[in-house]
Protein backbone atom coordinates (compact mmCIF):
# COMPACT_ATOMS: atom_id res chain seq x y z
CA MET A 1 -59.66 -65.04 19.63
CA TYR A 2 -58.97 -67.33 22.81
CA GLU A 3 -56.68 -69.34 20.97
CA LEU A 4 -54.62 -66.86 19.91
CA ASP A 5 -54.28 -65.28 23.58
CA ALA A 6 -53.59 -68.76 24.88
CA ALA A 7 -50.82 -69.39 22.19
CA VAL A 8 -49.15 -65.99 23.21
CA THR A 9 -49.77 -66.85 26.92
CA HIS A 10 -48.24 -70.58 26.70
CA ALA A 11 -45.36 -69.18 24.34
CA ILE A 12 -44.46 -66.69 26.69
CA ASN A 13 -44.62 -69.09 29.77
CA GLY A 14 -42.68 -71.70 27.70
CA LEU A 15 -39.66 -69.68 28.10
CA ALA A 16 -39.72 -70.50 32.04
CA GLU A 17 -37.83 -73.31 33.69
CA ARG A 18 -34.82 -72.76 31.10
CA SER A 19 -32.67 -70.86 33.43
CA ALA A 20 -33.24 -70.66 37.45
CA ALA A 21 -31.51 -67.17 37.22
CA VAL A 22 -34.07 -65.99 34.78
CA ASP A 23 -36.85 -67.51 36.54
CA PHE A 24 -35.85 -65.96 40.01
CA LEU A 25 -35.49 -62.33 38.40
CA MET A 26 -38.99 -62.55 36.81
CA ILE A 27 -40.78 -63.89 40.06
CA TRP A 28 -38.66 -61.16 42.10
CA VAL A 29 -40.15 -58.83 39.54
CA SER A 30 -43.61 -59.84 39.29
CA THR A 31 -43.51 -59.69 43.24
CA ILE A 32 -41.69 -56.76 44.31
CA GLY A 33 -42.30 -54.49 41.00
CA VAL A 34 -45.22 -52.62 42.29
CA PRO A 35 -44.21 -52.03 45.64
CA LEU A 36 -40.88 -50.64 44.39
CA LEU A 37 -42.59 -48.20 41.63
CA VAL A 38 -44.65 -46.90 44.42
CA LEU A 39 -42.00 -46.55 46.75
CA ALA A 40 -40.26 -44.66 43.59
CA VAL A 41 -43.24 -42.60 43.48
CA ALA A 42 -43.31 -41.83 47.11
CA VAL A 43 -39.89 -40.81 47.68
CA GLN A 44 -39.74 -38.29 44.99
CA TRP A 45 -42.07 -36.34 47.06
CA TRP A 46 -39.29 -34.65 48.80
CA ARG A 47 -37.43 -33.51 45.75
CA ARG A 48 -36.25 -30.13 45.63
CA ILE A 49 -36.21 -29.55 41.94
CA ASP A 50 -39.44 -28.17 40.84
CA ARG A 51 -41.24 -29.30 43.80
CA PRO A 52 -44.93 -28.25 42.56
CA GLN A 53 -44.94 -29.91 38.96
CA VAL A 54 -43.27 -32.92 40.76
CA ARG A 55 -45.68 -33.23 43.71
CA HIS A 56 -48.60 -32.63 41.25
CA VAL A 57 -47.71 -35.45 39.34
CA LEU A 58 -47.04 -38.09 42.01
CA VAL A 59 -50.49 -37.01 43.20
CA ALA A 60 -51.95 -37.73 39.92
CA ALA A 61 -49.72 -40.74 39.65
CA GLY A 62 -51.41 -41.87 42.94
CA LEU A 63 -54.88 -41.14 42.12
CA SER A 64 -54.23 -42.99 38.92
CA PHE A 65 -53.29 -46.29 40.62
CA LEU A 66 -56.63 -46.21 43.00
CA LEU A 67 -58.85 -45.43 40.19
CA GLY A 68 -57.18 -47.93 37.90
CA LEU A 69 -57.59 -50.62 40.81
CA ALA A 70 -61.10 -49.61 41.62
CA LEU A 71 -62.05 -49.97 38.30
CA ASN A 72 -60.55 -53.37 38.00
CA GLN A 73 -62.73 -54.40 41.04
CA LEU A 74 -65.67 -53.16 39.11
CA ILE A 75 -64.77 -55.27 36.35
CA LEU A 76 -64.21 -58.25 38.46
CA LEU A 77 -67.85 -58.24 39.59
CA PHE A 78 -68.72 -58.82 35.81
CA ILE A 79 -66.11 -61.10 34.57
CA HIS A 80 -64.96 -63.93 36.04
CA ARG A 81 -62.03 -65.19 34.35
CA MET A 82 -60.15 -68.25 35.27
CA ARG A 83 -56.25 -68.19 35.65
CA PRO A 84 -54.26 -69.69 32.80
CA TYR A 85 -52.65 -72.61 34.95
CA ASP A 86 -56.11 -73.72 35.84
CA GLY A 87 -57.22 -74.15 32.09
CA GLY A 88 -53.71 -76.03 31.47
CA VAL A 89 -52.46 -73.25 29.29
CA THR A 90 -49.16 -72.09 31.65
CA HIS A 91 -47.24 -74.12 34.44
CA LEU A 92 -47.49 -71.86 37.71
CA LEU A 93 -43.95 -70.92 38.99
CA ILE A 94 -45.73 -69.34 42.20
CA PRO A 95 -48.48 -70.35 44.74
CA ARG A 96 -52.12 -70.19 42.88
CA SER A 97 -53.78 -66.59 43.14
CA ALA A 98 -57.63 -66.84 45.27
CA ASP A 99 -58.92 -64.24 42.41
CA PHE A 100 -59.89 -64.18 39.09
CA SER A 101 -57.76 -63.54 35.99
CA PHE A 102 -58.73 -60.47 34.06
CA PRO A 103 -57.62 -57.95 34.16
CA SER A 104 -54.24 -58.06 35.83
CA ASP A 105 -53.96 -55.63 38.56
CA HIS A 106 -50.08 -55.56 38.28
CA ALA A 107 -50.52 -54.33 34.89
CA THR A 108 -53.19 -51.86 35.85
CA ALA A 109 -50.90 -50.35 38.98
CA THR A 110 -47.81 -49.93 36.72
CA PHE A 111 -49.12 -48.31 33.55
CA ALA A 112 -51.56 -46.04 35.63
CA ILE A 113 -47.97 -44.80 37.17
CA ALA A 114 -46.31 -44.48 33.83
CA ALA A 115 -49.03 -43.18 32.28
CA ALA A 116 -49.76 -40.48 34.72
CA PHE A 117 -46.33 -39.53 34.55
CA LEU A 118 -46.17 -39.35 31.00
CA LEU A 119 -49.85 -37.73 30.69
CA HIS A 120 -48.56 -34.64 33.11
CA GLY A 121 -45.25 -34.10 31.43
CA SER A 122 -42.66 -35.91 32.94
CA ARG A 123 -41.66 -37.90 29.79
CA ARG A 124 -38.16 -38.94 30.82
CA VAL A 125 -39.15 -40.48 34.41
CA GLY A 126 -42.54 -41.79 32.64
CA PHE A 127 -40.55 -43.45 30.26
CA GLY A 128 -38.61 -45.22 32.99
CA PHE A 129 -41.74 -46.06 34.79
CA LEU A 130 -43.23 -47.45 31.45
CA ALA A 131 -40.10 -49.48 30.92
CA ALA A 132 -40.64 -51.21 34.47
CA ALA A 133 -44.48 -51.61 33.89
CA ALA A 134 -43.65 -53.63 30.61
CA LEU A 135 -41.33 -55.64 32.93
CA VAL A 136 -43.74 -56.22 35.68
CA THR A 137 -46.28 -57.17 32.93
CA PHE A 138 -44.26 -59.55 30.88
CA SER A 139 -43.32 -61.13 34.23
CA ARG A 140 -46.95 -61.89 35.26
CA VAL A 141 -47.36 -64.05 31.83
CA TYR A 142 -43.83 -65.56 32.16
CA ILE A 143 -44.49 -67.07 35.79
CA GLY A 144 -48.15 -68.16 34.38
CA THR A 145 -50.41 -66.27 36.31
CA HIS A 146 -51.96 -64.44 33.77
CA TYR A 147 -53.00 -64.73 29.98
CA ALA A 148 -51.43 -62.05 27.78
CA SER A 149 -54.79 -60.24 27.30
CA ASP A 150 -55.19 -59.92 30.97
CA VAL A 151 -52.00 -57.76 31.27
CA LEU A 152 -53.13 -55.89 28.32
CA GLY A 153 -56.72 -55.34 29.88
CA GLY A 154 -55.10 -53.99 32.67
CA ALA A 155 -52.48 -51.87 31.15
CA LEU A 156 -55.62 -50.51 29.56
CA THR A 157 -57.53 -49.74 32.63
CA GLY A 158 -54.33 -48.33 34.12
CA VAL A 159 -54.19 -45.96 31.14
CA ILE A 160 -57.88 -45.14 31.06
CA ALA A 161 -57.52 -44.05 34.95
CA ALA A 162 -54.63 -42.08 34.29
CA PHE A 163 -56.71 -39.98 31.67
CA ALA A 164 -59.76 -39.66 33.66
CA VAL A 165 -57.46 -38.11 36.45
CA ARG A 166 -55.79 -36.01 33.75
CA ALA A 167 -59.19 -34.57 32.88
CA VAL A 168 -60.22 -33.62 36.31
CA TYR A 169 -56.65 -33.02 38.36
CA TRP A 170 -55.32 -29.82 37.27
CA GLN A 171 -51.87 -28.46 38.31
CA ASP A 172 -52.04 -25.02 40.17
CA THR A 173 -55.92 -25.33 41.52
CA ARG A 174 -56.63 -24.72 45.10
CA ILE A 175 -57.14 -28.35 45.84
CA ASP A 176 -53.78 -29.13 43.90
CA ARG A 177 -51.64 -26.33 45.79
CA LEU A 178 -53.60 -27.84 49.16
CA ILE A 179 -52.43 -31.23 48.64
CA THR A 180 -49.21 -30.50 47.29
CA GLY A 181 -48.17 -27.71 49.85
CA ILE A 182 -48.52 -30.88 52.40
CA LEU A 183 -45.03 -31.46 54.17
């Protein structure tokens, strides 16, 4: 299985350094993708249309994001996977990372947001976030910082987090009304 993972990772990373413009775009997406998605979630708090539903989805997305990253920290206690550039699989386009490779926090964060929107009924916006999540995760392999399985594992962690939040955070409960009524 490692050979397939390394081959896919190497193939995606092999697209790098063919176009300075594409390299710049992938580095930019990788660097600013998560903060932009978080900002895109946050600015919707003040939307006037269907405010209680929108705010419920936004809170669910934030909780999914946080739970997904917390799950990653638990996984990192047990799995210490080296980065693909340390194993000679990829050529790195950005500075080295100090932490382990699996799972990808970028993939977890972006897929948790997208899955939360989709699971809570905001399909149109959710599919937009899903496309952005796919681009961010692809960029992480393209720039050489993650194996393909790292981003797949991160995406799975994000989706699991969103399902967990969906199971316990229901719309129109007392706590939901309290949280969504702020501001």
